[in-house]
Amino acid sequence: MNRRTTEISQCELTVMKCIWDLKAETGEVTCAQVMEKLKEDYGLTYKDTTVYTFLKNLINKGFVSSEKKGHLFVRKKITEQIF
């Protein structure tokens, strides 16, 4: 079964919610910030590689963009209202 690239998993949606919340607070978001937010708000503890995979999937699907400056910075492209 082929998945459309615009489909988003429940885990990816939870990461997007973290990005929306953090973006409102700080502007740019790092993987470490997303990991901390997942733990604090949702009680989810993932390895950094897992969160990077979620972020990479969201980047590939066009939901967020990224820039590397020593750390991975993520910028949301899709607003909560559009989603």
Protein backbone atom coordinates (compact mmCIF):
# COMPACT_ATOMS: atom_id res chain seq x y z
CA MET A 1 0.00 0.00 0.00
CA ASN A 2 1.49 3.35 -1.03
CA ARG A 3 1.26 6.29 1.33
CA ARG A 4 0.73 9.73 -0.05
CA THR A 5 3.47 12.14 0.98
CA THR A 6 0.89 14.48 2.53
CA GLU A 7 -0.28 11.92 5.05
CA ILE A 8 1.05 12.37 8.55
CA SER A 9 1.38 9.75 11.27
CA GLN A 10 0.13 10.26 14.81
CA CYS A 11 3.72 10.51 16.06
CA GLU A 12 4.56 13.11 13.40
CA LEU A 13 1.43 15.06 14.37
CA THR A 14 2.55 15.07 18.01
CA VAL A 15 5.96 16.38 16.91
CA MET A 16 4.21 19.08 14.84
CA LYS A 17 2.21 20.13 17.92
CA CYS A 18 5.49 20.47 19.82
CA ILE A 19 6.98 22.53 16.97
CA TRP A 20 3.92 24.82 16.88
CA ASP A 21 4.14 25.39 20.65
CA LEU A 22 7.92 25.90 20.69
CA LYS A 23 7.87 28.08 17.57
CA ALA A 24 5.44 30.45 19.26
CA GLU A 25 7.88 30.75 22.18
CA THR A 26 11.30 30.82 20.53
CA GLY A 27 11.17 31.14 16.74
CA GLU A 28 13.55 28.35 15.77
CA VAL A 29 13.26 24.87 17.21
CA THR A 30 15.97 22.28 17.79
CA CYS A 31 15.64 18.52 17.99
CA ALA A 32 16.63 18.67 21.67
CA GLN A 33 13.80 21.14 22.35
CA VAL A 34 11.30 18.87 20.62
CA MET A 35 12.57 15.89 22.65
CA GLU A 36 12.16 17.83 25.90
CA LYS A 37 8.67 19.04 24.93
CA LEU A 38 7.60 15.49 24.02
CA LYS A 39 8.76 14.31 27.43
CA GLU A 40 7.24 17.19 29.43
CA ASP A 41 3.88 17.54 27.66
CA TYR A 42 3.18 14.01 26.41
CA GLY A 43 5.27 11.77 28.66
CA LEU A 44 7.05 10.41 25.57
CA THR A 45 10.73 9.59 25.70
CA TYR A 46 12.34 8.90 22.34
CA LYS A 47 15.97 8.49 21.33
CA ASP A 48 17.35 11.46 19.42
CA THR A 49 17.61 9.35 16.27
CA THR A 50 13.87 8.64 16.43
CA VAL A 51 13.00 12.33 16.76
CA TYR A 52 15.41 13.14 13.90
CA THR A 53 13.56 10.57 11.79
CA PHE A 54 10.19 12.18 12.60
CA LEU A 55 11.63 15.59 11.71
CA LYS A 56 13.22 14.27 8.51
CA ASN A 57 9.88 12.78 7.48
CA LEU A 58 8.10 16.09 8.16
CA ILE A 59 10.76 17.93 6.14
CA ASN A 60 10.43 15.46 3.24
CA LYS A 61 6.64 15.80 3.32
CA GLY A 62 6.94 19.60 3.21
CA PHE A 63 5.44 20.35 6.62
CA VAL A 64 8.59 21.96 8.02
CA SER A 65 11.91 23.23 6.71
CA SER A 66 15.31 23.02 8.32
CA GLU A 67 18.70 24.63 8.43
CA LYS A 68 21.90 23.27 9.90
CA LYS A 69 23.90 25.64 12.12
CA GLY A 70 25.80 23.26 14.36
CA HIS A 71 22.41 21.93 15.44
CA LEU A 72 19.34 21.16 13.38
CA PHE A 73 16.96 24.10 13.42
CA VAL A 74 13.44 23.48 12.25
CA ARG A 75 11.04 26.07 10.91
CA LYS A 76 7.40 25.27 10.50
CA LYS A 77 5.95 25.80 7.05
CA ILE A 78 2.42 24.63 7.77
CA THR A 79 0.54 26.63 10.38
CA GLU A 80 -1.84 25.04 12.83
CA GLN A 81 -4.74 26.87 11.19
CA ILE A 82 -3.90 25.47 7.73
CA PHE A 83 -3.44 21.95 9.06
